[in-house]
Protein backbone atom coordinates (compact mmCIF):
# COMPACT_ATOMS: atom_id res chain seq x y z
CA UNK A 1 324.70 53.99 -115.48
CA UNK A 2 327.82 55.91 -114.45
CA UNK A 3 331.08 54.03 -114.19
CA UNK A 4 332.28 53.56 -110.57
CA UNK A 5 335.14 55.74 -109.39
CA UNK A 6 338.59 54.12 -109.72
CA UNK A 7 341.76 54.37 -107.67
CA UNK A 8 345.26 53.79 -109.07
CA UNK A 9 347.70 52.08 -106.71
CA UNK A 10 351.43 51.45 -107.22
CA UNK A 11 353.34 48.65 -105.46
CA UNK A 12 356.73 50.30 -104.88
CA UNK A 13 358.39 48.56 -101.90
CA UNK A 14 359.04 44.87 -101.51
CA UNK A 15 357.04 42.80 -99.03
CA UNK A 16 359.86 40.30 -98.43
CA UNK A 17 360.55 41.17 -94.77
CA UNK A 18 356.93 41.93 -93.84
CA UNK A 19 354.41 39.83 -91.90
CA UNK A 20 352.41 37.19 -93.77
CA UNK A 21 349.22 39.24 -93.44
CA UNK A 22 350.83 42.11 -95.34
CA UNK A 23 351.92 39.73 -98.12
CA UNK A 24 348.36 38.46 -98.41
CA UNK A 25 347.01 42.01 -98.70
CA UNK A 26 349.50 42.75 -101.51
CA UNK A 27 348.35 39.60 -103.31
CA UNK A 28 344.71 40.45 -102.66
CA UNK A 29 345.12 43.82 -104.34
CA UNK A 30 346.33 41.96 -107.43
CA UNK A 31 350.01 42.86 -107.40
CA UNK A 32 352.47 40.38 -108.93
CA UNK A 33 355.52 42.59 -109.61
CA UNK A 34 357.31 45.48 -107.98
CA UNK A 35 356.48 48.94 -109.41
CA UNK A 36 353.27 47.54 -110.87
CA UNK A 37 350.27 49.87 -111.10
CA UNK A 38 346.73 48.50 -110.76
CA UNK A 39 343.37 50.21 -111.03
CA UNK A 40 340.70 49.17 -108.53
CA UNK A 41 337.21 50.38 -107.67
CA UNK A 42 337.42 53.08 -105.00
CA UNK A 43 335.44 51.61 -102.09
CA UNK A 44 335.87 51.05 -98.37
CA UNK A 45 337.32 47.55 -98.76
CA UNK A 46 340.13 48.64 -101.10
CA UNK A 47 340.84 51.75 -99.01
CA UNK A 48 341.14 49.53 -95.92
CA UNK A 49 343.60 47.23 -97.68
CA UNK A 50 345.73 50.20 -98.74
CA UNK A 51 345.57 51.60 -95.21
CA UNK A 52 346.96 48.28 -93.90
CA UNK A 53 350.13 48.52 -96.02
CA UNK A 54 350.85 52.24 -96.57
CA UNK A 55 354.60 51.57 -96.35
CA UNK A 56 354.45 49.28 -99.43
CA UNK A 57 352.03 51.03 -101.79
CA UNK A 58 351.25 54.58 -102.92
CA UNK A 59 348.10 56.07 -104.35
CA UNK A 60 348.65 57.79 -107.68
CA UNK A 61 346.76 60.99 -108.39
CA UNK A 62 345.49 61.58 -111.90
């Protein structure tokens, strides 16, 4: 079976002065530190989370 497509996301701006919902999305994506890069399965749920906080994260192209 083929491996599912992945998306690399970098957490590059602090969520300190953002609404609580944005902080929960950052935590839900698995970020614990600033400038951290995580790799997640590329699906609608993850894309929706990234779309909620585009001012805090960036998608890295390979």
